[in-house]
N, C-alpha and C. Protein backbone atom coordinates (compact mmCIF):
# COMPACT_ATOMS: atom_id res chain seq x y z
N GLY A 1 17.27 41.06 42.80
CA GLY A 1 17.52 39.78 42.16
C GLY A 1 16.99 38.60 42.95
N GLY A 2 15.77 38.71 43.49
CA GLY A 2 15.16 37.60 44.22
C GLY A 2 15.51 37.53 45.69
N ILE A 3 16.42 38.36 46.15
CA ILE A 3 16.78 38.37 47.57
C ILE A 3 15.71 39.15 48.35
N THR A 4 15.25 38.58 49.46
CA THR A 4 14.25 39.24 50.30
C THR A 4 14.75 39.30 51.75
N ALA A 5 13.97 39.96 52.59
CA ALA A 5 14.33 40.09 54.00
C ALA A 5 14.34 38.75 54.72
N ASP A 6 13.74 37.72 54.13
CA ASP A 6 13.71 36.39 54.75
C ASP A 6 14.97 35.58 54.44
N ASP A 7 15.87 36.13 53.63
CA ASP A 7 17.09 35.41 53.29
C ASP A 7 17.91 35.17 54.57
N ALA A 8 18.63 34.03 54.58
CA ALA A 8 19.42 33.66 55.76
C ALA A 8 20.47 34.71 56.10
N ALA A 9 20.90 35.50 55.12
CA ALA A 9 21.91 36.52 55.39
C ALA A 9 21.41 37.58 56.36
N PHE A 10 20.08 37.70 56.49
CA PHE A 10 19.50 38.73 57.35
C PHE A 10 18.87 38.14 58.61
N ASP A 11 19.18 36.90 58.94
CA ASP A 11 18.60 36.26 60.13
C ASP A 11 18.86 37.08 61.39
N PHE A 12 20.12 37.48 61.57
CA PHE A 12 20.49 38.21 62.79
C PHE A 12 19.76 39.55 62.85
N ILE A 13 19.64 40.21 61.70
CA ILE A 13 18.97 41.51 61.65
C ILE A 13 17.50 41.37 62.01
N ARG A 14 16.85 40.34 61.50
CA ARG A 14 15.43 40.15 61.79
C ARG A 14 15.20 39.80 63.26
N THR A 15 15.97 38.87 63.78
CA THR A 15 15.72 38.38 65.13
C THR A 15 16.06 39.42 66.19
N HIS A 16 16.92 40.38 65.87
CA HIS A 16 17.30 41.40 66.85
C HIS A 16 16.61 42.74 66.60
N ALA A 17 15.67 42.77 65.68
CA ALA A 17 14.96 44.02 65.41
C ALA A 17 14.06 44.38 66.58
N PRO A 18 14.11 45.63 67.05
CA PRO A 18 13.23 46.05 68.13
C PRO A 18 11.80 46.18 67.62
N PRO A 19 10.82 46.18 68.51
CA PRO A 19 9.42 46.33 68.09
C PRO A 19 9.23 47.63 67.30
N GLY A 20 8.49 47.56 66.23
CA GLY A 20 8.22 48.74 65.43
C GLY A 20 9.25 49.04 64.36
N ALA A 21 10.35 48.28 64.35
CA ALA A 21 11.39 48.52 63.35
C ALA A 21 10.93 48.01 62.00
N GLY A 22 10.82 48.93 61.04
CA GLY A 22 10.36 48.55 59.72
C GLY A 22 11.48 48.38 58.72
N VAL A 23 12.63 49.02 59.00
CA VAL A 23 13.74 49.02 58.04
C VAL A 23 15.05 48.86 58.79
N ALA A 24 15.97 48.12 58.19
CA ALA A 24 17.35 48.07 58.67
C ALA A 24 18.26 48.56 57.56
N VAL A 25 19.20 49.43 57.91
CA VAL A 25 20.22 49.90 56.97
C VAL A 25 21.55 49.40 57.51
N VAL A 26 22.25 48.56 56.74
CA VAL A 26 23.42 47.85 57.25
C VAL A 26 24.52 47.82 56.20
N ARG A 27 25.76 47.95 56.67
CA ARG A 27 26.92 47.78 55.81
C ARG A 27 27.34 46.32 55.85
N MET A 28 27.51 45.71 54.69
CA MET A 28 27.85 44.30 54.60
C MET A 28 29.10 44.11 53.75
N GLU A 29 29.91 43.13 54.13
CA GLU A 29 31.11 42.81 53.36
C GLU A 29 30.82 41.76 52.30
N VAL A 30 29.94 40.82 52.63
CA VAL A 30 29.60 39.72 51.74
C VAL A 30 28.14 39.86 51.34
N SER A 31 27.84 39.76 50.06
CA SER A 31 26.46 39.91 49.59
C SER A 31 25.63 38.70 50.00
N PRO A 32 24.29 38.83 50.00
CA PRO A 32 23.43 37.68 50.31
C PRO A 32 23.65 36.50 49.37
N PHE A 33 24.20 36.76 48.17
CA PHE A 33 24.50 35.67 47.25
C PHE A 33 25.80 34.95 47.61
N GLY A 34 26.55 35.52 48.58
CA GLY A 34 27.83 34.95 48.95
C GLY A 34 28.99 35.57 48.19
N ASP A 35 28.69 36.54 47.30
CA ASP A 35 29.75 37.21 46.55
C ASP A 35 30.48 38.21 47.43
N GLU A 36 31.77 38.36 47.19
CA GLU A 36 32.56 39.37 47.89
C GLU A 36 33.28 40.19 46.82
N TYR A 37 32.91 41.46 46.71
CA TYR A 37 33.44 42.32 45.67
C TYR A 37 34.75 42.95 46.12
N LEU A 38 35.80 42.84 45.28
CA LEU A 38 37.12 43.32 45.62
C LEU A 38 37.09 44.83 45.88
N GLY A 39 37.48 45.23 47.09
CA GLY A 39 37.55 46.64 47.44
C GLY A 39 36.20 47.31 47.63
N GLN A 40 35.12 46.52 47.67
CA GLN A 40 33.77 47.08 47.77
C GLN A 40 33.01 46.45 48.94
N ASP A 41 32.16 47.26 49.57
CA ASP A 41 31.18 46.77 50.53
C ASP A 41 29.79 47.04 49.98
N LEU A 42 28.80 46.40 50.58
CA LEU A 42 27.41 46.67 50.22
C LEU A 42 26.76 47.50 51.32
N LEU A 43 25.98 48.49 50.92
CA LEU A 43 25.12 49.20 51.85
C LEU A 43 23.70 48.79 51.49
N VAL A 44 23.02 48.11 52.40
CA VAL A 44 21.70 47.57 52.10
C VAL A 44 20.63 48.24 52.94
N MET A 45 19.45 48.41 52.36
CA MET A 45 18.26 48.88 53.05
C MET A 45 17.25 47.75 52.95
N VAL A 46 16.87 47.18 54.09
CA VAL A 46 16.04 45.99 54.14
C VAL A 46 14.67 46.35 54.72
N ASN A 47 13.60 46.10 53.95
CA ASN A 47 12.24 46.32 54.44
C ASN A 47 11.83 45.10 55.26
N LEU A 48 11.78 45.25 56.57
CA LEU A 48 11.45 44.15 57.47
C LEU A 48 9.95 44.00 57.68
N SER A 49 9.17 44.93 57.14
CA SER A 49 7.74 44.97 57.40
C SER A 49 6.96 44.21 56.33
N ASP A 50 5.65 44.12 56.57
CA ASP A 50 4.74 43.47 55.62
C ASP A 50 4.07 44.49 54.71
N SER A 51 4.55 45.72 54.72
CA SER A 51 3.92 46.78 53.93
C SER A 51 4.95 47.46 53.03
N ASP A 52 4.48 47.99 51.90
CA ASP A 52 5.33 48.84 51.08
C ASP A 52 5.59 50.14 51.84
N LEU A 53 6.84 50.60 51.83
CA LEU A 53 7.21 51.82 52.56
C LEU A 53 7.51 52.93 51.56
N ALA A 54 6.86 54.08 51.77
CA ALA A 54 6.93 55.17 50.80
C ALA A 54 8.17 56.03 50.97
N ASN A 55 8.61 56.57 49.85
CA ASN A 55 9.68 57.57 49.79
C ASN A 55 10.96 57.16 50.51
N PRO A 56 11.53 56.00 50.16
CA PRO A 56 12.81 55.63 50.77
C PRO A 56 13.94 56.48 50.19
N THR A 57 14.84 56.92 51.05
CA THR A 57 15.97 57.74 50.61
C THR A 57 17.25 57.24 51.25
N LEU A 58 18.38 57.53 50.58
CA LEU A 58 19.66 57.07 51.06
C LEU A 58 20.73 58.04 50.57
N GLY A 59 21.72 58.30 51.38
CA GLY A 59 22.80 59.19 50.97
C GLY A 59 24.02 59.02 51.83
N MET A 60 25.15 59.47 51.32
CA MET A 60 26.40 59.44 52.07
C MET A 60 27.01 60.83 52.03
N GLY A 61 27.54 61.30 53.14
CA GLY A 61 28.13 62.62 53.17
C GLY A 61 28.85 62.87 54.46
N VAL A 62 29.29 64.09 54.66
CA VAL A 62 29.98 64.45 55.89
C VAL A 62 28.99 64.42 57.04
N GLY A 63 29.51 64.21 58.25
CA GLY A 63 28.66 64.16 59.42
C GLY A 63 27.84 65.42 59.58
N GLY A 64 26.56 65.24 59.88
CA GLY A 64 25.67 66.37 60.08
C GLY A 64 24.95 66.82 58.83
N SER A 65 25.38 66.35 57.67
CA SER A 65 24.69 66.73 56.44
C SER A 65 23.41 65.93 56.30
N GLY A 66 22.46 66.48 55.58
CA GLY A 66 21.20 65.78 55.37
C GLY A 66 21.06 65.28 53.95
N PHE A 67 22.18 65.09 53.25
CA PHE A 67 22.15 64.69 51.85
C PHE A 67 21.49 63.34 51.68
N GLN A 68 20.35 63.32 51.00
CA GLN A 68 19.65 62.08 50.72
C GLN A 68 19.00 62.17 49.35
N LEU A 69 18.96 61.05 48.64
CA LEU A 69 18.31 60.97 47.34
C LEU A 69 17.35 59.78 47.35
N PRO A 70 16.30 59.84 46.53
CA PRO A 70 15.44 58.66 46.38
C PRO A 70 16.26 57.48 45.88
N LEU A 71 15.85 56.28 46.26
CA LEU A 71 16.53 55.09 45.76
C LEU A 71 16.41 55.05 44.24
N GLN A 72 17.48 54.62 43.59
CA GLN A 72 17.51 54.58 42.13
C GLN A 72 17.92 53.20 41.65
N GLN A 73 17.14 52.65 40.73
CA GLN A 73 17.47 51.37 40.12
C GLN A 73 18.31 51.63 38.87
N ARG A 74 19.57 51.25 38.94
CA ARG A 74 20.47 51.47 37.79
C ARG A 74 20.61 50.17 37.01
N GLY A 75 21.82 49.75 36.74
CA GLY A 75 22.03 48.49 36.04
C GLY A 75 22.08 48.65 34.54
N PHE A 76 22.41 47.57 33.86
CA PHE A 76 22.64 47.56 32.41
C PHE A 76 21.41 48.05 31.64
N ALA A 77 20.23 47.56 32.00
CA ALA A 77 19.02 47.87 31.24
C ALA A 77 18.67 49.35 31.29
N ASN A 78 19.08 50.03 32.35
CA ASN A 78 18.74 51.45 32.49
C ASN A 78 19.88 52.38 32.08
N ASN A 79 21.01 51.83 31.67
CA ASN A 79 22.18 52.63 31.33
C ASN A 79 21.99 53.31 29.96
N PRO A 80 22.02 54.67 29.92
CA PRO A 80 21.82 55.36 28.64
C PRO A 80 22.84 54.97 27.58
N ALA A 81 24.04 54.54 28.00
CA ALA A 81 25.06 54.15 27.03
C ALA A 81 24.65 52.91 26.25
N PHE A 82 23.67 52.18 26.77
CA PHE A 82 23.21 50.96 26.09
C PHE A 82 21.73 51.06 25.72
N GLY A 83 21.26 52.30 25.55
CA GLY A 83 19.89 52.50 25.10
C GLY A 83 18.86 52.66 26.20
N GLY A 84 19.30 52.66 27.45
CA GLY A 84 18.36 52.83 28.56
C GLY A 84 17.97 54.28 28.75
N ALA A 85 16.95 54.50 29.56
CA ALA A 85 16.44 55.85 29.80
C ALA A 85 17.05 56.50 31.04
N GLY A 86 17.99 55.84 31.67
CA GLY A 86 18.59 56.38 32.89
C GLY A 86 18.00 55.71 34.12
N PRO A 87 18.52 56.05 35.30
CA PRO A 87 18.08 55.39 36.54
C PRO A 87 16.57 55.52 36.75
N GLU A 88 15.98 54.44 37.24
CA GLU A 88 14.55 54.44 37.58
C GLU A 88 14.41 54.84 39.05
N ILE A 89 13.62 55.89 39.30
CA ILE A 89 13.39 56.35 40.67
C ILE A 89 12.41 55.41 41.35
N LEU A 90 12.77 54.93 42.53
CA LEU A 90 11.91 54.04 43.30
C LEU A 90 11.20 54.85 44.38
N ASN A 91 9.89 55.05 44.22
CA ASN A 91 9.16 55.86 45.19
C ASN A 91 8.62 55.05 46.35
N HIS A 92 8.91 53.76 46.36
CA HIS A 92 8.56 52.94 47.51
C HIS A 92 9.48 51.71 47.54
N LEU A 93 9.64 51.15 48.74
CA LEU A 93 10.41 49.92 48.91
C LEU A 93 9.39 48.83 49.25
N PRO A 94 9.16 47.89 48.34
CA PRO A 94 8.11 46.88 48.56
C PRO A 94 8.36 46.05 49.83
N ALA A 95 7.28 45.50 50.35
CA ALA A 95 7.36 44.68 51.56
C ALA A 95 8.36 43.55 51.38
N GLY A 96 9.26 43.42 52.36
CA GLY A 96 10.21 42.32 52.36
C GLY A 96 11.33 42.42 51.36
N ARG A 97 11.42 43.53 50.62
CA ARG A 97 12.44 43.64 49.59
C ARG A 97 13.70 44.33 50.11
N VAL A 98 14.79 44.16 49.35
CA VAL A 98 16.10 44.65 49.76
C VAL A 98 16.68 45.52 48.65
N PHE A 99 17.14 46.72 49.01
CA PHE A 99 17.87 47.59 48.09
C PHE A 99 19.34 47.56 48.48
N ALA A 100 20.23 47.44 47.48
CA ALA A 100 21.66 47.36 47.79
C ALA A 100 22.45 48.25 46.84
N MET A 101 23.50 48.85 47.36
CA MET A 101 24.41 49.64 46.53
C MET A 101 25.84 49.36 46.97
N LEU A 102 26.76 49.40 46.01
CA LEU A 102 28.17 49.18 46.31
C LEU A 102 28.82 50.48 46.79
N VAL A 103 29.67 50.37 47.78
CA VAL A 103 30.46 51.51 48.25
C VAL A 103 31.91 51.06 48.35
N SER A 104 32.82 51.96 48.04
CA SER A 104 34.24 51.63 48.07
C SER A 104 34.72 51.43 49.50
N HIS A 105 35.29 50.28 49.77
CA HIS A 105 35.81 50.01 51.11
C HIS A 105 37.01 50.91 51.41
N ASN A 106 37.81 51.19 50.39
CA ASN A 106 39.02 51.99 50.59
C ASN A 106 38.69 53.48 50.75
N ASP A 107 37.74 53.98 49.93
CA ASP A 107 37.40 55.40 49.99
C ASP A 107 36.50 55.74 51.16
N PHE A 108 35.78 54.73 51.65
CA PHE A 108 34.83 54.99 52.73
C PHE A 108 35.10 54.04 53.89
N ALA A 109 36.32 54.07 54.41
CA ALA A 109 36.63 53.24 55.57
C ALA A 109 35.73 53.62 56.74
N SER A 110 35.39 54.91 56.85
CA SER A 110 34.42 55.38 57.81
C SER A 110 33.29 56.03 57.02
N LEU A 111 32.17 55.35 56.94
CA LEU A 111 31.08 55.75 56.07
C LEU A 111 30.02 56.53 56.86
N LYS A 112 29.70 57.74 56.39
CA LYS A 112 28.64 58.54 56.99
C LYS A 112 27.36 58.31 56.19
N VAL A 113 26.33 57.83 56.86
CA VAL A 113 25.12 57.40 56.16
C VAL A 113 23.92 58.23 56.61
N ASN A 114 23.13 58.65 55.63
CA ASN A 114 21.84 59.28 55.87
C ASN A 114 20.78 58.39 55.24
N ALA A 115 19.67 58.17 55.93
CA ALA A 115 18.63 57.31 55.38
C ALA A 115 17.29 57.72 55.94
N GLY A 116 16.24 57.45 55.17
CA GLY A 116 14.91 57.80 55.63
C GLY A 116 13.82 57.01 54.94
N ILE A 117 12.69 56.93 55.61
CA ILE A 117 11.45 56.40 55.06
C ILE A 117 10.38 57.44 55.37
N ALA A 118 9.78 58.02 54.31
CA ALA A 118 8.83 59.12 54.50
C ALA A 118 9.53 60.22 55.29
N GLU A 119 9.06 60.53 56.48
CA GLU A 119 9.66 61.62 57.26
C GLU A 119 10.44 61.11 58.47
N VAL A 120 10.75 59.84 58.51
CA VAL A 120 11.47 59.25 59.64
C VAL A 120 12.81 58.73 59.15
N GLY A 121 13.87 58.96 59.94
CA GLY A 121 15.17 58.45 59.53
C GLY A 121 16.30 59.00 60.37
N PHE A 122 17.51 59.02 59.81
CA PHE A 122 18.68 59.50 60.54
C PHE A 122 19.66 60.14 59.58
N ASN A 123 20.53 60.99 60.11
CA ASN A 123 21.57 61.66 59.33
C ASN A 123 22.92 61.49 60.02
N GLY A 124 23.97 61.30 59.21
CA GLY A 124 25.33 61.31 59.71
C GLY A 124 25.72 60.15 60.58
N ALA A 125 25.03 59.01 60.47
CA ALA A 125 25.41 57.84 61.26
C ALA A 125 26.72 57.26 60.71
N THR A 126 27.61 56.86 61.59
CA THR A 126 28.92 56.34 61.19
C THR A 126 28.89 54.82 61.14
N PHE A 127 29.15 54.27 59.95
CA PHE A 127 29.27 52.83 59.75
C PHE A 127 30.74 52.54 59.46
N ASP A 128 31.50 52.18 60.48
CA ASP A 128 32.94 52.01 60.32
C ASP A 128 33.32 50.70 59.66
N GLU A 129 32.52 49.67 59.83
CA GLU A 129 32.91 48.36 59.33
C GLU A 129 31.68 47.54 59.00
N ALA A 130 31.90 46.42 58.33
CA ALA A 130 30.80 45.54 57.96
C ALA A 130 30.06 45.08 59.21
N GLY A 131 28.74 45.16 59.16
CA GLY A 131 27.91 44.80 60.29
C GLY A 131 27.35 45.99 61.02
N ASP A 132 27.94 47.19 60.83
CA ASP A 132 27.40 48.38 61.47
C ASP A 132 26.11 48.80 60.77
N GLY A 133 25.16 49.29 61.53
CA GLY A 133 23.91 49.71 60.93
C GLY A 133 22.93 50.26 61.93
N LEU A 134 21.77 50.66 61.43
CA LEU A 134 20.70 51.19 62.27
C LEU A 134 19.36 50.66 61.78
N TYR A 135 18.41 50.58 62.72
CA TYR A 135 17.03 50.33 62.36
C TYR A 135 16.30 51.67 62.26
N ILE A 136 15.31 51.73 61.40
CA ILE A 136 14.39 52.86 61.35
C ILE A 136 13.04 52.35 61.84
N GLN A 137 12.53 52.99 62.87
CA GLN A 137 11.27 52.56 63.47
C GLN A 137 10.12 53.22 62.72
N THR A 138 9.26 52.42 62.11
CA THR A 138 8.18 52.96 61.28
C THR A 138 6.81 52.81 61.90
N THR A 139 6.67 52.03 62.96
CA THR A 139 5.40 51.89 63.66
C THR A 139 5.63 51.96 65.16
N VAL A 140 4.58 52.29 65.89
CA VAL A 140 4.67 52.36 67.34
C VAL A 140 4.35 50.98 67.91
N PRO A 141 5.25 50.38 68.69
CA PRO A 141 5.01 49.03 69.20
C PRO A 141 3.93 49.02 70.27
N LEU A 142 3.25 47.89 70.41
CA LEU A 142 2.27 47.68 71.46
C LEU A 142 3.00 47.15 72.69
N LEU A 143 2.93 47.87 73.79
CA LEU A 143 3.63 47.45 75.00
C LEU A 143 3.09 46.09 75.47
N GLY A 144 4.01 45.22 75.83
CA GLY A 144 3.63 43.88 76.26
C GLY A 144 3.58 42.87 75.14
N ASP A 145 3.66 43.33 73.90
CA ASP A 145 3.62 42.43 72.74
C ASP A 145 5.04 41.99 72.41
N PHE A 146 5.57 41.05 73.18
CA PHE A 146 6.97 40.67 73.07
C PHE A 146 7.27 39.83 71.84
N ASP A 147 6.25 39.17 71.28
CA ASP A 147 6.49 38.40 70.05
C ASP A 147 6.10 39.19 68.81
N ASN A 148 5.70 40.46 69.02
CA ASN A 148 5.47 41.40 67.92
C ASN A 148 4.47 40.86 66.89
N ASP A 149 3.37 40.24 67.40
CA ASP A 149 2.36 39.71 66.49
C ASP A 149 1.07 40.52 66.51
N GLY A 150 1.12 41.69 67.17
CA GLY A 150 -0.03 42.59 67.13
C GLY A 150 -1.02 42.42 68.26
N ASP A 151 -0.78 41.50 69.21
CA ASP A 151 -1.66 41.38 70.37
C ASP A 151 -0.83 41.00 71.60
N VAL A 152 -1.44 41.15 72.76
CA VAL A 152 -0.78 40.80 74.02
C VAL A 152 -1.55 39.64 74.63
N ASP A 153 -0.90 38.47 74.69
CA ASP A 153 -1.60 37.27 75.15
C ASP A 153 -0.64 36.38 75.92
N GLY A 154 -1.03 35.13 76.14
CA GLY A 154 -0.21 34.21 76.92
C GLY A 154 1.13 33.90 76.30
N ARG A 155 1.19 33.95 74.97
CA ARG A 155 2.47 33.69 74.30
C ARG A 155 3.51 34.75 74.66
N ASP A 156 3.05 35.97 74.88
CA ASP A 156 3.98 37.04 75.27
C ASP A 156 4.51 36.81 76.69
N PHE A 157 3.66 36.26 77.58
CA PHE A 157 4.13 35.95 78.93
C PHE A 157 5.21 34.87 78.88
N LEU A 158 5.04 33.89 78.00
CA LEU A 158 6.06 32.85 77.85
C LEU A 158 7.37 33.47 77.36
N LYS A 159 7.28 34.44 76.46
CA LYS A 159 8.49 35.13 75.99
C LYS A 159 9.17 35.83 77.16
N TRP A 160 8.38 36.47 78.05
CA TRP A 160 8.97 37.15 79.21
C TRP A 160 9.66 36.13 80.12
N GLN A 161 9.02 34.99 80.35
CA GLN A 161 9.60 33.96 81.22
C GLN A 161 10.93 33.44 80.67
N ARG A 162 11.06 33.43 79.35
CA ARG A 162 12.28 32.93 78.71
C ARG A 162 13.35 34.01 78.56
N GLY A 163 13.07 35.21 79.05
CA GLY A 163 14.03 36.29 78.91
C GLY A 163 14.07 36.87 77.51
N GLU A 164 12.96 36.79 76.78
CA GLU A 164 12.91 37.25 75.40
C GLU A 164 12.02 38.48 75.24
N SER A 165 11.78 39.20 76.32
CA SER A 165 11.01 40.45 76.23
C SER A 165 11.95 41.59 75.90
N PHE A 166 11.42 42.82 75.84
CA PHE A 166 12.22 43.98 75.44
C PHE A 166 13.40 44.19 76.37
N SER A 167 13.14 44.12 77.69
CA SER A 167 14.19 44.19 78.70
C SER A 167 14.11 42.89 79.50
N PRO A 168 14.91 41.89 79.14
CA PRO A 168 14.75 40.53 79.66
C PRO A 168 14.59 40.45 81.17
N PHE A 169 13.53 39.73 81.59
CA PHE A 169 13.23 39.43 82.99
C PHE A 169 12.91 40.68 83.82
N SER A 170 12.66 41.81 83.19
CA SER A 170 12.44 43.04 83.96
C SER A 170 11.01 43.09 84.50
N ALA A 171 10.89 43.73 85.68
CA ALA A 171 9.56 43.93 86.26
C ALA A 171 8.72 44.87 85.40
N ALA A 172 9.38 45.83 84.75
CA ALA A 172 8.65 46.79 83.91
C ALA A 172 7.96 46.08 82.75
N ASP A 173 8.67 45.13 82.12
CA ASP A 173 8.06 44.39 81.02
C ASP A 173 6.88 43.56 81.51
N LEU A 174 7.02 42.95 82.67
CA LEU A 174 5.92 42.16 83.22
C LEU A 174 4.72 43.04 83.52
N GLU A 175 4.98 44.24 84.04
CA GLU A 175 3.88 45.17 84.32
C GLU A 175 3.18 45.60 83.03
N ASP A 176 3.97 45.82 81.96
CA ASP A 176 3.37 46.18 80.67
C ASP A 176 2.49 45.04 80.17
N TRP A 177 2.97 43.80 80.31
CA TRP A 177 2.17 42.66 79.87
C TRP A 177 0.86 42.58 80.65
N GLN A 178 0.93 42.79 81.97
CA GLN A 178 -0.27 42.73 82.80
C GLN A 178 -1.25 43.84 82.43
N GLU A 179 -0.72 45.04 82.19
CA GLU A 179 -1.59 46.20 81.91
C GLU A 179 -2.28 46.08 80.56
N PHE A 180 -1.55 45.57 79.56
CA PHE A 180 -2.09 45.57 78.20
C PHE A 180 -2.55 44.19 77.74
N TYR A 181 -2.63 43.25 78.68
CA TYR A 181 -3.10 41.91 78.31
C TYR A 181 -4.49 42.01 77.66
N GLY A 182 -4.61 41.41 76.48
CA GLY A 182 -5.87 41.44 75.75
C GLY A 182 -5.92 42.45 74.64
N PHE A 183 -5.06 43.46 74.67
CA PHE A 183 -5.05 44.44 73.59
C PHE A 183 -4.62 43.79 72.28
N GLY A 184 -5.28 44.18 71.23
CA GLY A 184 -4.96 43.66 69.91
C GLY A 184 -5.73 42.41 69.57
N SER A 185 -6.36 41.78 70.56
CA SER A 185 -7.14 40.58 70.31
C SER A 185 -8.53 40.96 69.82
N LEU A 186 -9.03 40.25 68.82
CA LEU A 186 -10.38 40.52 68.31
C LEU A 186 -11.44 40.24 69.37
N ALA A 187 -11.10 39.39 70.34
CA ALA A 187 -12.07 39.04 71.38
C ALA A 187 -12.07 40.04 72.52
N SER A 188 -11.14 41.00 72.50
CA SER A 188 -11.00 41.92 73.61
C SER A 188 -12.00 43.06 73.50
N SER A 189 -12.58 43.43 74.61
CA SER A 189 -13.50 44.57 74.64
C SER A 189 -12.92 45.74 75.40
N ARG A 190 -11.63 45.64 75.74
CA ARG A 190 -11.00 46.70 76.51
C ARG A 190 -10.73 47.90 75.62
N ALA A 191 -10.66 49.06 76.23
CA ALA A 191 -10.41 50.29 75.49
C ALA A 191 -8.96 50.34 75.02
N ALA A 192 -8.71 51.13 73.99
CA ALA A 192 -7.35 51.30 73.48
C ALA A 192 -6.49 52.01 74.51
N PRO A 193 -5.17 51.81 74.52
CA PRO A 193 -4.30 52.49 75.47
C PRO A 193 -4.28 53.97 75.22
N GLU A 194 -4.08 54.72 76.30
CA GLU A 194 -4.00 56.16 76.18
C GLU A 194 -2.80 56.55 75.34
N PRO A 195 -2.93 57.56 74.44
CA PRO A 195 -1.79 57.97 73.61
C PRO A 195 -0.57 58.36 74.41
N GLY A 196 -0.78 58.95 75.59
CA GLY A 196 0.35 59.39 76.38
C GLY A 196 1.25 58.26 76.82
N SER A 197 0.69 57.05 76.94
CA SER A 197 1.48 55.92 77.42
C SER A 197 2.46 55.41 76.37
N ILE A 198 2.25 55.79 75.10
CA ILE A 198 3.14 55.33 74.05
C ILE A 198 3.82 56.47 73.33
N ALA A 199 3.63 57.69 73.80
CA ALA A 199 4.17 58.85 73.10
C ALA A 199 5.69 58.81 73.04
N LEU A 200 6.32 58.37 74.13
CA LEU A 200 7.78 58.35 74.16
C LEU A 200 8.33 57.41 73.09
N LEU A 201 7.69 56.25 72.94
CA LEU A 201 8.15 55.31 71.93
C LEU A 201 7.90 55.84 70.53
N ALA A 202 6.84 56.63 70.36
CA ALA A 202 6.49 57.11 69.03
C ALA A 202 7.53 58.04 68.46
N VAL A 203 8.25 58.77 69.30
CA VAL A 203 9.20 59.75 68.79
C VAL A 203 10.58 59.15 68.58
N VAL A 204 10.78 57.91 68.94
CA VAL A 204 12.07 57.27 68.73
C VAL A 204 12.12 56.79 67.29
N GLY A 205 12.99 57.38 66.48
CA GLY A 205 13.02 57.07 65.06
C GLY A 205 13.87 55.88 64.70
N MET A 206 14.93 55.59 65.47
CA MET A 206 15.78 54.46 65.10
C MET A 206 16.51 53.93 66.31
N VAL A 207 16.96 52.70 66.20
CA VAL A 207 17.70 52.04 67.27
C VAL A 207 18.92 51.37 66.65
N ALA A 208 20.05 51.46 67.31
CA ALA A 208 21.28 50.91 66.74
C ALA A 208 21.21 49.41 66.57
N VAL A 209 21.80 48.94 65.49
CA VAL A 209 21.96 47.51 65.25
C VAL A 209 23.34 47.11 65.75
N PHE A 210 23.39 46.38 66.83
CA PHE A 210 24.69 45.96 67.35
C PHE A 210 25.00 44.58 66.81
N CYS A 211 25.56 44.54 65.60
CA CYS A 211 25.85 43.26 64.99
C CYS A 211 27.09 43.37 64.14
N ARG A 212 27.63 42.25 63.79
CA ARG A 212 28.77 42.18 62.89
C ARG A 212 28.46 41.16 61.82
N LYS A 213 28.76 41.50 60.59
CA LYS A 213 28.46 40.62 59.46
C LYS A 213 29.30 39.36 59.53
N PRO A 214 28.71 38.19 59.25
CA PRO A 214 29.51 36.97 59.19
C PRO A 214 30.59 37.06 58.12
N THR A 215 31.65 36.32 58.31
CA THR A 215 32.68 36.24 57.29
C THR A 215 32.19 35.37 56.15
N ALA A 216 32.91 35.39 55.03
CA ALA A 216 32.50 34.62 53.86
C ALA A 216 32.36 33.15 54.23
N GLY A 217 31.26 32.54 53.80
CA GLY A 217 31.02 31.13 54.03
C GLY A 217 30.37 30.84 55.36
N SER A 218 30.16 31.87 56.18
CA SER A 218 29.56 31.68 57.49
C SER A 218 28.29 32.49 57.59
N ARG A 219 27.30 31.96 58.29
CA ARG A 219 26.05 32.69 58.53
C ARG A 219 25.93 33.05 60.00
N ARG A 220 26.93 32.80 60.78
CA ARG A 220 26.88 33.10 62.21
C ARG A 220 27.44 34.49 62.47
N PRO A 221 26.62 35.39 63.08
CA PRO A 221 27.11 36.74 63.36
C PRO A 221 28.23 36.72 64.37
N LEU A 222 29.19 37.58 64.14
CA LEU A 222 30.32 37.66 65.07
C LEU A 222 29.98 38.59 66.21
N ALA A 223 30.57 38.36 67.37
CA ALA A 223 30.32 39.21 68.53
C ALA A 223 30.99 40.55 68.33
């Protein structure tokens, strides 16, 4: 309904996303429209990337289960009781778009969530309360690219100086910036980084979202 990843309701999710995070799956108490459904929470899948992501899936079940289904667009227009053809299967999540489904707050006080994009995702994650969630990492980040703009340059060094790198003020981050300075720049003639140097990051599928949803009427995340 016109809500995108740039909506103010997702500010905290965007600003705290680790490099390479393409999707956030989060339990919310208040919808981006400001609505609060009696006895219901929202489970949202937010495409944080600039690309359409293929084969998004979502499911709820007991811990350890891999139950997942393709995203389905329901609603009045698709309801067979009113002449619709049934749920529309969504084989991709467009860039910047948000999928949301209602879940019973009373029946799912402790919600077990399975989610995936293509072949990357997680199973059996516990979302106990509004604000709990996980990121799904869909791309391999460039080391030293602290502003996540696809290159390593002077702006990334300023981010490190301000404590805004991956591990704030760490010597390791500074070394990464020094080693990969110039990568990603069209003017750079340096060779691409060795695959082995990024292999560890490539196998990390998701990173926890440590956030809490603002209360109704507030856009400030709670600690």
